[in-house]
């Protein structure tokens, strides 16, 4: 049981692909699983290549079936290499959270 004075904030529970994963091929989407639905206004998920250049993707959207899941879709299959996902969300209580995680694509497009 949590202390009633403790404030629990939105947190990133997991990702697909998982942080540190080496994938055999480009992922069709990049999905973040949060502990609660973030406010989508102010939510950003950006993908950068190993050189820090942004990779074209869709805007971040919440999954219609589960608003705790937010995802982006790369505009084109990702070339082999290292990638970093940078994310920023705003919790329902107004607190901003941010972070990043890396993954690698080993196979061809």
PDB file of N, CA and C in Angstrom:
ATOM      1  N   UNK A   1       0.856  -1.180   0.000  1.00  0.00           N
ATOM      2  CA  UNK A   1       0.000   0.000   0.000  1.00  0.00           C
ATOM      3  C   UNK A   1       0.890   1.226   0.000  1.00  0.00           C
ATOM      4  N   UNK A   2       0.569   2.183  -0.879  1.00  0.00           N
ATOM      5  CA  UNK A   2       1.418   3.367  -0.972  1.00  0.00           C
ATOM      6  C   UNK A   2       1.019   4.402   0.062  1.00  0.00           C
ATOM      7  N   UNK A   3       1.971   5.224   0.420  1.00  0.00           N
ATOM      8  CA  UNK A   3       1.764   6.325   1.347  1.00  0.00           C
ATOM      9  C   UNK A   3       0.827   7.335   0.679  1.00  0.00           C
ATOM     10  N   UNK A   4      -0.261   7.770   1.354  1.00  0.00           N
ATOM     11  CA  UNK A   4      -1.185   8.698   0.717  1.00  0.00           C
ATOM     12  C   UNK A   4      -0.522  10.018   0.332  1.00  0.00           C
ATOM     13  N   UNK A   5       0.600  10.350   0.932  1.00  0.00           N
ATOM     14  CA  UNK A   5       1.305  11.580   0.589  1.00  0.00           C
ATOM     15  C   UNK A   5       2.224  11.423  -0.615  1.00  0.00           C
ATOM     16  N   UNK A   6       2.389  10.197  -1.092  1.00  0.00           N
ATOM     17  CA  UNK A   6       3.276   9.939  -2.219  1.00  0.00           C
ATOM     18  C   UNK A   6       2.574  10.297  -3.524  1.00  0.00           C
ATOM     19  N   UNK A   7       3.253  11.072  -4.361  1.00  0.00           N
ATOM     20  CA  UNK A   7       2.708  11.414  -5.670  1.00  0.00           C
ATOM     21  C   UNK A   7       3.312  10.459  -6.695  1.00  0.00           C
ATOM     22  N   UNK A   8       2.465   9.737  -7.405  1.00  0.00           N
ATOM     23  CA  UNK A   8       2.932   8.822  -8.434  1.00  0.00           C
ATOM     24  C   UNK A   8       2.797   9.506  -9.778  1.00  0.00           C
ATOM     25  N   UNK A   9       3.879   9.557 -10.531  1.00  0.00           N
ATOM     26  CA  UNK A   9       3.871  10.201 -11.827  1.00  0.00           C
ATOM     27  C   UNK A   9       3.876   9.176 -12.943  1.00  0.00           C
ATOM     28  N   UNK A  10       3.453   9.621 -14.084  1.00  0.00           N
ATOM     29  CA  UNK A  10       3.510   8.798 -15.278  1.00  0.00           C
ATOM     30  C   UNK A  10       4.945   8.316 -15.470  1.00  0.00           C
ATOM     31  N   UNK A  11       5.093   7.067 -15.902  1.00  0.00           N
ATOM     32  CA  UNK A  11       6.424   6.529 -16.168  1.00  0.00           C
ATOM     33  C   UNK A  11       6.370   5.673 -17.427  1.00  0.00           C
ATOM     34  N   UNK A  12       7.490   5.528 -18.061  1.00  0.00           N
ATOM     35  CA  UNK A  12       7.613   4.643 -19.214  1.00  0.00           C
ATOM     36  C   UNK A  12       7.834   3.239 -18.674  1.00  0.00           C
ATOM     37  N   UNK A  13       6.910   2.320 -18.988  1.00  0.00           N
ATOM     38  CA  UNK A  13       7.019   0.946 -18.503  1.00  0.00           C
ATOM     39  C   UNK A  13       7.853   0.065 -19.424  1.00  0.00           C
ATOM     40  N   UNK A  14       7.663   0.206 -20.738  1.00  0.00           N
ATOM     41  CA  UNK A  14       8.411  -0.614 -21.686  1.00  0.00           C
ATOM     42  C   UNK A  14       8.310   0.000 -23.077  1.00  0.00           C
ATOM     43  N   UNK A  15       9.071  -0.585 -23.999  1.00  0.00           N
ATOM     44  CA  UNK A  15       9.066  -0.111 -25.383  1.00  0.00           C
ATOM     45  C   UNK A  15       9.156  -1.300 -26.334  1.00  0.00           C
ATOM     46  N   UNK A  16       8.701  -1.082 -27.555  1.00  0.00           N
ATOM     47  CA  UNK A  16       8.905  -2.040 -28.645  1.00  0.00           C
ATOM     48  C   UNK A  16       9.442  -1.243 -29.819  1.00  0.00           C
ATOM     49  N   UNK A  17      10.644  -1.478 -30.274  1.00  0.00           N
ATOM     50  CA  UNK A  17      11.554  -2.499 -29.763  1.00  0.00           C
ATOM     51  C   UNK A  17      12.054  -2.139 -28.362  1.00  0.00           C
ATOM     52  N   UNK A  18      12.466  -3.147 -27.626  1.00  0.00           N
ATOM     53  CA  UNK A  18      12.990  -2.933 -26.279  1.00  0.00           C
ATOM     54  C   UNK A  18      14.320  -2.192 -26.347  1.00  0.00           C
ATOM     55  N   UNK A  19      14.582  -1.398 -25.327  1.00  0.00           N
ATOM     56  CA  UNK A  19      15.848  -0.662 -25.252  1.00  0.00           C
ATOM     57  C   UNK A  19      17.018  -1.631 -25.344  1.00  0.00           C
ATOM     58  N   UNK A  20      17.993  -1.279 -26.163  1.00  0.00           N
ATOM     59  CA  UNK A  20      19.198  -2.083 -26.305  1.00  0.00           C
ATOM     60  C   UNK A  20      19.067  -3.262 -27.247  1.00  0.00           C
ATOM     61  N   UNK A  21      17.917  -3.426 -27.869  1.00  0.00           N
ATOM     62  CA  UNK A  21      17.678  -4.558 -28.759  1.00  0.00           C
ATOM     63  C   UNK A  21      18.393  -4.377 -30.092  1.00  0.00           C
ATOM     64  N   UNK A  22      18.905  -5.483 -30.632  1.00  0.00           N
ATOM     65  CA  UNK A  22      19.436  -5.515 -31.994  1.00  0.00           C
ATOM     66  C   UNK A  22      18.420  -6.283 -32.829  1.00  0.00           C
ATOM     67  N   UNK A  23      17.794  -5.590 -33.770  1.00  0.00           N
ATOM     68  CA  UNK A  23      16.735  -6.185 -34.584  1.00  0.00           C
ATOM     69  C   UNK A  23      17.284  -6.750 -35.886  1.00  0.00           C
ATOM     70  N   UNK A  24      16.724  -7.838 -36.378  1.00  0.00           N
ATOM     71  CA  UNK A  24      17.186  -8.395 -37.648  1.00  0.00           C
ATOM     72  C   UNK A  24      16.726  -7.575 -38.851  1.00  0.00           C
ATOM     73  N   UNK A  25      15.664  -6.762 -38.668  1.00  0.00           N
ATOM     74  CA  UNK A  25      15.127  -5.942 -39.762  1.00  0.00           C
ATOM     75  C   UNK A  25      14.459  -4.704 -39.163  1.00  0.00           C
ATOM     76  N   UNK A  26      14.120  -3.760 -40.019  1.00  0.00           N
ATOM     77  CA  UNK A  26      13.476  -2.523 -39.587  1.00  0.00           C
ATOM     78  C   UNK A  26      12.151  -2.805 -38.886  1.00  0.00           C
ATOM     79  N   UNK A  27      11.878  -2.130 -37.753  1.00  0.00           N
ATOM     80  CA  UNK A  27      10.572  -2.302 -37.116  1.00  0.00           C
ATOM     81  C   UNK A  27       9.506  -1.553 -37.919  1.00  0.00           C
ATOM     82  N   UNK A  28       8.297  -2.079 -37.935  1.00  0.00           N
ATOM     83  CA  UNK A  28       7.203  -1.399 -38.631  1.00  0.00           C
ATOM     84  C   UNK A  28       6.751  -0.167 -37.870  1.00  0.00           C
ATOM     85  N   UNK A  29       6.900  -0.201 -36.543  1.00  0.00           N
ATOM     86  CA  UNK A  29       6.521   0.927 -35.701  1.00  0.00           C
ATOM     87  C   UNK A  29       7.389   0.920 -34.457  1.00  0.00           C
ATOM     88  N   UNK A  30       7.363   2.033 -33.745  1.00  0.00           N
ATOM     89  CA  UNK A  30       8.061   2.158 -32.467  1.00  0.00           C
ATOM     90  C   UNK A  30       6.995   2.539 -31.457  1.00  0.00           C
ATOM     91  N   UNK A  31       6.856   1.707 -30.424  1.00  0.00           N
ATOM     92  CA  UNK A  31       5.742   1.844 -29.486  1.00  0.00           C
ATOM     93  C   UNK A  31       6.278   2.012 -28.067  1.00  0.00           C
ATOM     94  N   UNK A  32       5.695   2.960 -27.336  1.00  0.00           N
ATOM     95  CA  UNK A  32       6.057   3.227 -25.951  1.00  0.00           C
ATOM     96  C   UNK A  32       4.844   2.922 -25.079  1.00  0.00           C
ATOM     97  N   UNK A  33       5.075   2.210 -23.993  1.00  0.00           N
ATOM     98  CA  UNK A  33       4.016   1.799 -23.075  1.00  0.00           C
ATOM     99  C   UNK A  33       4.187   2.576 -21.767  1.00  0.00           C
ATOM    100  N   UNK A  34       3.212   3.416 -21.449  1.00  0.00           N
ATOM    101  CA  UNK A  34       3.279   4.241 -20.246  1.00  0.00           C
ATOM    102  C   UNK A  34       2.358   3.704 -19.157  1.00  0.00           C
ATOM    103  N   UNK A  35       2.607   4.141 -17.927  1.00  0.00           N
ATOM    104  CA  UNK A  35       1.816   3.681 -16.787  1.00  0.00           C
ATOM    105  C   UNK A  35       0.417   4.280 -16.766  1.00  0.00           C
ATOM    106  N   UNK A  36       0.220   5.375 -17.487  1.00  0.00           N
ATOM    107  CA  UNK A  36      -1.086   6.009 -17.605  1.00  0.00           C
ATOM    108  C   UNK A  36      -1.119   6.760 -18.935  1.00  0.00           C
ATOM    109  N   UNK A  37      -2.295   7.078 -19.444  1.00  0.00           N
ATOM    110  CA  UNK A  37      -2.348   7.794 -20.720  1.00  0.00           C
ATOM    111  C   UNK A  37      -1.753   9.204 -20.582  1.00  0.00           C
ATOM    112  N   UNK A  38      -0.812   9.567 -21.437  1.00  0.00           N
ATOM    113  CA  UNK A  38      -0.296  10.935 -21.414  1.00  0.00           C
ATOM    114  C   UNK A  38      -1.261  11.873 -22.139  1.00  0.00           C
ATOM    115  N   UNK A  39      -1.115  13.163 -21.890  1.00  0.00           N
ATOM    116  CA  UNK A  39      -1.828  14.153 -22.685  1.00  0.00           C
ATOM    117  C   UNK A  39      -1.160  14.164 -24.054  1.00  0.00           C
ATOM    118  N   UNK A  40      -1.899  13.980 -25.107  1.00  0.00           N
ATOM    119  CA  UNK A  40      -1.261  13.917 -26.422  1.00  0.00           C
ATOM    120  C   UNK A  40      -0.804  15.287 -26.897  1.00  0.00           C
ATOM    121  N   UNK A  41      -1.486  16.343 -26.474  1.00  0.00           N
ATOM    122  CA  UNK A  41      -0.990  17.677 -26.801  1.00  0.00           C
ATOM    123  C   UNK A  41       0.260  17.893 -25.954  1.00  0.00           C
ATOM    124  N   UNK A  42       1.378  18.062 -26.605  1.00  0.00           N
ATOM    125  CA  UNK A  42       2.648  18.194 -25.901  1.00  0.00           C
ATOM    126  C   UNK A  42       3.474  16.917 -25.882  1.00  0.00           C
ATOM    127  N   UNK A  43       2.901  15.812 -26.377  1.00  0.00           N
ATOM    128  CA  UNK A  43       3.645  14.555 -26.450  1.00  0.00           C
ATOM    129  C   UNK A  43       4.417  14.503 -27.761  1.00  0.00           C
ATOM    130  N   UNK A  44       5.712  14.218 -27.667  1.00  0.00           N
ATOM    131  CA  UNK A  44       6.539  14.062 -28.865  1.00  0.00           C
ATOM    132  C   UNK A  44       7.373  12.799 -28.741  1.00  0.00           C
ATOM    133  N   UNK A  45       7.525  12.117 -29.870  1.00  0.00           N
ATOM    134  CA  UNK A  45       8.419  10.968 -29.967  1.00  0.00           C
ATOM    135  C   UNK A  45       9.203  11.185 -31.254  1.00  0.00           C
ATOM    136  N   UNK A  46      10.529  11.280 -31.129  1.00  0.00           N
ATOM    137  CA  UNK A  46      11.371  11.534 -32.293  1.00  0.00           C
ATOM    138  C   UNK A  46      12.415  10.428 -32.405  1.00  0.00           C
ATOM    139  N   UNK A  47      12.741  10.105 -33.634  1.00  0.00           N
ATOM    140  CA  UNK A  47      13.714   9.061 -33.928  1.00  0.00           C
ATOM    141  C   UNK A  47      14.933   9.707 -34.578  1.00  0.00           C
ATOM    142  N   UNK A  48      16.111   9.379 -34.068  1.00  0.00           N
ATOM    143  CA  UNK A  48      17.360   9.919 -34.623  1.00  0.00           C
ATOM    144  C   UNK A  48      18.290   8.772 -34.978  1.00  0.00           C
ATOM    145  N   UNK A  49      19.069   8.988 -36.044  1.00  0.00           N
ATOM    146  CA  UNK A  49      20.052   7.975 -36.440  1.00  0.00           C
ATOM    147  C   UNK A  49      21.332   8.144 -35.624  1.00  0.00           C
ATOM    148  N   UNK A  50      22.337   7.331 -35.918  1.00  0.00           N
ATOM    149  CA  UNK A  50      23.587   7.345 -35.144  1.00  0.00           C
ATOM    150  C   UNK A  50      24.291   8.691 -35.208  1.00  0.00           C
ATOM    151  N   UNK A  51      24.065   9.450 -36.277  1.00  0.00           N
ATOM    152  CA  UNK A  51      24.678  10.775 -36.411  1.00  0.00           C
ATOM    153  C   UNK A  51      23.871  11.879 -35.757  1.00  0.00           C
ATOM    154  N   UNK A  52      22.738  11.522 -35.140  1.00  0.00           N
ATOM    155  CA  UNK A  52      21.898  12.510 -34.479  1.00  0.00           C
ATOM    156  C   UNK A  52      20.896  13.191 -35.393  1.00  0.00           C
ATOM    157  N   UNK A  53      20.857  12.765 -36.664  1.00  0.00           N
ATOM    158  CA  UNK A  53      19.902  13.346 -37.615  1.00  0.00           C
ATOM    159  C   UNK A  53      18.523  12.732 -37.388  1.00  0.00           C
ATOM    160  N   UNK A  54      17.490  13.586 -37.405  1.00  0.00           N
ATOM    161  CA  UNK A  54      16.133  13.077 -37.243  1.00  0.00           C
ATOM    162  C   UNK A  54      15.721  12.255 -38.451  1.00  0.00           C
ATOM    163  N   UNK A  55      15.024  11.168 -38.178  1.00  0.00           N
ATOM    164  CA  UNK A  55      14.507  10.267 -39.204  1.00  0.00           C
ATOM    165  C   UNK A  55      13.023  10.575 -39.364  1.00  0.00           C
ATOM    166  N   UNK A  56      12.540  10.664 -40.597  1.00  0.00           N
ATOM    167  CA  UNK A  56      11.131  10.979 -40.850  1.00  0.00           C
ATOM    168  C   UNK A  56      10.224   9.875 -40.310  1.00  0.00           C
ATOM    169  N   UNK A  57       9.219  10.290 -39.529  1.00  0.00           N
ATOM    170  CA  UNK A  57       8.216   9.374 -38.975  1.00  0.00           C
ATOM    171  C   UNK A  57       6.875  10.092 -38.957  1.00  0.00           C
ATOM    172  N   UNK A  58       5.832   9.341 -38.651  1.00  0.00           N
ATOM    173  CA  UNK A  58       4.538   9.958 -38.383  1.00  0.00           C
ATOM    174  C   UNK A  58       4.632  10.719 -37.067  1.00  0.00           C
ATOM    175  N   UNK A  59       3.635  11.540 -36.806  1.00  0.00           N
ATOM    176  CA  UNK A  59       3.523  12.166 -35.493  1.00  0.00           C
ATOM    177  C   UNK A  59       3.169  11.087 -34.479  1.00  0.00           C
ATOM    178  N   UNK A  60       3.489  11.316 -33.220  1.00  0.00           N
ATOM    179  CA  UNK A  60       3.123  10.371 -32.162  1.00  0.00           C
ATOM    180  C   UNK A  60       1.606  10.364 -31.989  1.00  0.00           C
ATOM    181  N   UNK A  61       1.037   9.159 -31.927  1.00  0.00           N
ATOM    182  CA  UNK A  61      -0.400   9.011 -31.694  1.00  0.00           C
ATOM    183  C   UNK A  61      -0.630   7.968 -30.612  1.00  0.00           C
ATOM    184  N   UNK A  62      -1.741   8.126 -29.914  1.00  0.00           N
ATOM    185  CA  UNK A  62      -2.129   7.143 -28.902  1.00  0.00           C
ATOM    186  C   UNK A  62      -2.882   6.012 -29.581  1.00  0.00           C
ATOM    187  N   UNK A  63      -2.670   4.794 -29.093  1.00  0.00           N
ATOM    188  CA  UNK A  63      -3.383   3.631 -29.597  1.00  0.00           C
ATOM    189  C   UNK A  63      -4.864   3.788 -29.244  1.00  0.00           C
ATOM    190  N   UNK A  64      -5.731   3.567 -30.222  1.00  0.00           N
ATOM    191  CA  UNK A  64      -7.173   3.725 -29.988  1.00  0.00           C
ATOM    192  C   UNK A  64      -7.699   2.744 -28.946  1.00  0.00           C
ATOM    193  N   UNK A  65      -7.110   1.563 -28.858  1.00  0.00           N
ATOM    194  CA  UNK A  65      -7.575   0.551 -27.913  1.00  0.00           C
ATOM    195  C   UNK A  65      -6.996   0.722 -26.512  1.00  0.00           C
ATOM    196  N   UNK A  66      -5.871   1.426 -26.400  1.00  0.00           N
ATOM    197  CA  UNK A  66      -5.214   1.607 -25.097  1.00  0.00           C
ATOM    198  C   UNK A  66      -4.396   2.891 -25.144  1.00  0.00           C
ATOM    199  N   UNK A  67      -4.932   3.969 -24.601  1.00  0.00           N
ATOM    200  CA  UNK A  67      -4.301   5.291 -24.673  1.00  0.00           C
ATOM    201  C   UNK A  67      -2.993   5.374 -23.893  1.00  0.00           C
ATOM    202  N   UNK A  68      -2.643   4.323 -23.142  1.00  0.00           N
ATOM    203  CA  UNK A  68      -1.333   4.303 -22.467  1.00  0.00           C
ATOM    204  C   UNK A  68      -0.218   3.990 -23.450  1.00  0.00           C
ATOM    205  N   UNK A  69      -0.586   3.510 -24.641  1.00  0.00           N
ATOM    206  CA  UNK A  69       0.398   3.174 -25.675  1.00  0.00           C
ATOM    207  C   UNK A  69       0.460   4.297 -26.706  1.00  0.00           C
ATOM    208  N   UNK A  70       1.673   4.774 -26.963  1.00  0.00           N
ATOM    209  CA  UNK A  70       1.911   5.828 -27.938  1.00  0.00           C
ATOM    210  C   UNK A  70       2.897   5.276 -28.954  1.00  0.00           C
ATOM    211  N   UNK A  71       2.661   5.572 -30.243  1.00  0.00           N
ATOM    212  CA  UNK A  71       3.557   5.005 -31.243  1.00  0.00           C
ATOM    213  C   UNK A  71       3.814   5.966 -32.396  1.00  0.00           C
ATOM    214  N   UNK A  72       4.916   5.701 -33.103  1.00  0.00           N
ATOM    215  CA  UNK A  72       5.262   6.377 -34.341  1.00  0.00           C
ATOM    216  C   UNK A  72       5.574   5.302 -35.375  1.00  0.00           C
ATOM    217  N   UNK A  73       5.483   5.683 -36.646  1.00  0.00           N
ATOM    218  CA  UNK A  73       5.788   4.768 -37.739  1.00  0.00           C
ATOM    219  C   UNK A  73       6.833   5.443 -38.618  1.00  0.00           C
ATOM    220  N   UNK A  74       7.987   4.791 -38.849  1.00  0.00           N
ATOM    221  CA  UNK A  74       8.986   5.381 -39.753  1.00  0.00           C
ATOM    222  C   UNK A  74       8.399   5.567 -41.149  1.00  0.00           C
ATOM    223  N   UNK A  75       8.768   6.673 -41.811  1.00  0.00           N
ATOM    224  CA  UNK A  75       8.265   6.957 -43.161  1.00  0.00           C
ATOM    225  C   UNK A  75       8.759   5.927 -44.165  1.00  0.00           C
ATOM    226  N   UNK A  76       9.943   5.388 -43.935  1.00  0.00           N
ATOM    227  CA  UNK A  76      10.539   4.362 -44.792  1.00  0.00           C
ATOM    228  C   UNK A  76      11.189   3.317 -43.899  1.00  0.00           C
ATOM    229  N   UNK A  77      11.404   2.101 -44.395  1.00  0.00           N
ATOM    230  CA  UNK A  77      12.138   1.110 -43.596  1.00  0.00           C
ATOM    231  C   UNK A  77      13.502   1.676 -43.186  1.00  0.00           C
ATOM    232  N   UNK A  78      13.892   1.375 -41.966  1.00  0.00           N
ATOM    233  CA  UNK A  78      15.156   1.896 -41.439  1.00  0.00           C
ATOM    234  C   UNK A  78      16.337   1.110 -41.985  1.00  0.00           C
ATOM    235  N   UNK A  79      17.360   1.832 -42.380  1.00  0.00           N
ATOM    236  CA  UNK A  79      18.599   1.210 -42.841  1.00  0.00           C
ATOM    237  C   UNK A  79      19.318   0.592 -41.643  1.00  0.00           C
ATOM    238  N   UNK A  80      20.189  -0.375 -41.868  1.00  0.00           N
ATOM    239  CA  UNK A  80      20.971  -0.916 -40.762  1.00  0.00           C
ATOM    240  C   UNK A  80      21.739   0.200 -40.052  1.00  0.00           C
ATOM    241  N   UNK A  81      21.782   0.113 -38.738  1.00  0.00           N
ATOM    242  CA  UNK A  81      22.497   1.110 -37.948  1.00  0.00           C
ATOM    243  C   UNK A  81      21.870   1.288 -36.583  1.00  0.00           C
ATOM    244  N   UNK A  82      22.434   2.213 -35.821  1.00  0.00           N
ATOM    245  CA  UNK A  82      21.967   2.507 -34.466  1.00  0.00           C
ATOM    246  C   UNK A  82      20.981   3.668 -34.504  1.00  0.00           C
ATOM    247  N   UNK A  83      19.970   3.597 -33.634  1.00  0.00           N
ATOM    248  CA  UNK A  83      18.939   4.625 -33.562  1.00  0.00           C
ATOM    249  C   UNK A  83      18.651   4.964 -32.101  1.00  0.00           C
ATOM    250  N   UNK A  84      18.237   6.215 -31.882  1.00  0.00           N
ATOM    251  CA  UNK A  84      17.832   6.664 -30.557  1.00  0.00           C
ATOM    252  C   UNK A  84      16.430   7.244 -30.660  1.00  0.00           C
ATOM    253  N   UNK A  85      15.570   6.841 -29.744  1.00  0.00           N
ATOM    254  CA  UNK A  85      14.222   7.385 -29.643  1.00  0.00           C
ATOM    255  C   UNK A  85      14.224   8.383 -28.492  1.00  0.00           C
ATOM    256  N   UNK A  86      13.842   9.622 -28.789  1.00  0.00           N
ATOM    257  CA  UNK A  86      13.724  10.685 -27.787  1.00  0.00           C
ATOM    258  C   UNK A  86      12.235  10.927 -27.568  1.00  0.00           C
ATOM    259  N   UNK A  87      11.797  10.878 -26.322  1.00  0.00           N
ATOM    260  CA  UNK A  87      10.381  11.083 -26.050  1.00  0.00           C
ATOM    261  C   UNK A  87      10.165  12.103 -24.948  1.00  0.00           C
ATOM    262  N   UNK A  88       9.023  12.770 -25.062  1.00  0.00           N
ATOM    263  CA  UNK A  88       8.593  13.740 -24.049  1.00  0.00           C
ATOM    264  C   UNK A  88       7.084  13.634 -23.968  1.00  0.00           C
ATOM    265  N   UNK A  89       6.564  13.466 -22.766  1.00  0.00           N
ATOM    266  CA  UNK A  89       5.125  13.381 -22.553  1.00  0.00           C
ATOM    267  C   UNK A  89       4.737  14.277 -21.385  1.00  0.00           C
ATOM    268  N   UNK A  90       3.464  14.608 -21.346  1.00  0.00           N
ATOM    269  CA  UNK A  90       2.920  15.367 -20.226  1.00  0.00           C
ATOM    270  C   UNK A  90       1.847  14.498 -19.585  1.00  0.00           C
ATOM    271  N   UNK A  91       2.014  14.253 -18.301  1.00  0.00           N
ATOM    272  CA  UNK A  91       1.052  13.437 -17.561  1.00  0.00           C
ATOM    273  C   UNK A  91      -0.257  14.196 -17.400  1.00  0.00           C
ATOM    274  N   UNK A  92      -1.297  13.485 -17.026  1.00  0.00           N
ATOM    275  CA  UNK A  92      -2.599  14.119 -16.807  1.00  0.00           C
ATOM    276  C   UNK A  92      -2.518  15.175 -15.703  1.00  0.00           C
ATOM    277  N   UNK A  93      -1.563  15.027 -14.765  1.00  0.00           N
ATOM    278  CA  UNK A  93      -1.416  16.003 -13.683  1.00  0.00           C
ATOM    279  C   UNK A  93      -0.552  17.196 -14.104  1.00  0.00           C
ATOM    280  N   UNK A  94      -0.111  17.216 -15.383  1.00  0.00           N
ATOM    281  CA  UNK A  94       0.651  18.353 -15.897  1.00  0.00           C
ATOM    282  C   UNK A  94       2.160  18.225 -15.802  1.00  0.00           C
ATOM    283  N   UNK A  95       2.655  17.180 -15.147  1.00  0.00           N
ATOM    284  CA  UNK A  95       4.101  17.002 -15.029  1.00  0.00           C
ATOM    285  C   UNK A  95       4.678  16.438 -16.322  1.00  0.00           C
ATOM    286  N   UNK A  96       5.756  17.042 -16.794  1.00  0.00           N
ATOM    287  CA  UNK A  96       6.429  16.571 -18.012  1.00  0.00           C
ATOM    288  C   UNK A  96       7.445  15.493 -17.647  1.00  0.00           C
ATOM    289  N   UNK A  97       7.537  14.495 -18.491  1.00  0.00           N
ATOM    290  CA  UNK A  97       8.536  13.432 -18.350  1.00  0.00           C
ATOM    291  C   UNK A  97       9.235  13.310 -19.695  1.00  0.00           C
ATOM    292  N   UNK A  98      10.510  12.970 -19.657  1.00  0.00           N
ATOM    293  CA  UNK A  98      11.237  12.769 -20.908  1.00  0.00           C
ATOM    294  C   UNK A  98      12.295  11.707 -20.723  1.00  0.00           C
ATOM    295  N   UNK A  99      12.730  11.178 -21.850  1.00  0.00           N
ATOM    296  CA  UNK A  99      13.779  10.178 -21.807  1.00  0.00           C
ATOM    297  C   UNK A  99      14.159   9.760 -23.204  1.00  0.00           C
ATOM    298  N   UNK A 100      14.999   8.768 -23.282  1.00  0.00           N
ATOM    299  CA  UNK A 100      15.384   8.221 -24.578  1.00  0.00           C
ATOM    300  C   UNK A 100      15.831   6.783 -24.399  1.00  0.00           C
ATOM    301  N   UNK A 101      15.855   6.068 -25.511  1.00  0.00           N
ATOM    302  CA  UNK A 101      16.366   4.707 -25.512  1.00  0.00           C
ATOM    303  C   UNK A 101      16.906   4.411 -26.900  1.00  0.00           C
ATOM    304  N   UNK A 102      17.815   3.453 -26.950  1.00  0.00           N
ATOM    305  CA  UNK A 102      18.486   3.090 -28.196  1.00  0.00           C
ATOM    306  C   UNK A 102      18.093   1.687 -28.643  1.00  0.00           C
ATOM    307  N   UNK A 103      18.174   1.479 -29.945  1.00  0.00           N
ATOM    308  CA  UNK A 103      18.072   0.138 -30.512  1.00  0.00           C
ATOM    309  C   UNK A 103      18.889   0.132 -31.794  1.00  0.00           C
ATOM    310  N   UNK A 104      19.092  -1.050 -32.324  1.00  0.00           N
ATOM    311  CA  UNK A 104      19.901  -1.204 -33.530  1.00  0.00           C
ATOM    312  C   UNK A 104      19.152  -2.054 -34.559  1.00  0.00           C
ATOM    313  N   UNK A 105      19.315  -1.693 -35.816  1.00  0.00           N
ATOM    314  CA  UNK A 105      18.784  -2.495 -36.918  1.00  0.00           C
ATOM    315  C   UNK A 105      20.000  -3.135 -37.574  1.00  0.00           C
ATOM    316  N   UNK A 106      20.045  -4.449 -37.597  1.00  0.00           N
ATOM    317  CA  UNK A 106      21.198  -5.154 -38.161  1.00  0.00           C
ATOM    318  C   UNK A 106      20.966  -5.592 -39.590  1.00  0.00           C
ATOM    319  N   UNK A 107      19.726  -5.934 -39.905  1.00  0.00           N
ATOM    320  CA  UNK A 107      19.430  -6.485 -41.230  1.00  0.00           C
ATOM    321  C   UNK A 107      19.147  -5.430 -42.266  1.00  0.00           C
ATOM    322  N   UNK A 108      18.897  -5.892 -43.453  1.00  0.00           N
ATOM    323  CA  UNK A 108      18.593  -4.976 -44.552  1.00  0.00           C
ATOM    324  C   UNK A 108      17.143  -4.548 -44.479  1.00  0.00           C
ATOM    325  N   UNK A 109      16.846  -3.543 -45.258  1.00  0.00           N
ATOM    326  CA  UNK A 109      15.491  -3.007 -45.287  1.00  0.00           C
ATOM    327  C   UNK A 109      14.584  -4.064 -45.795  1.00  0.00           C
TER     328      UNK A 109
END
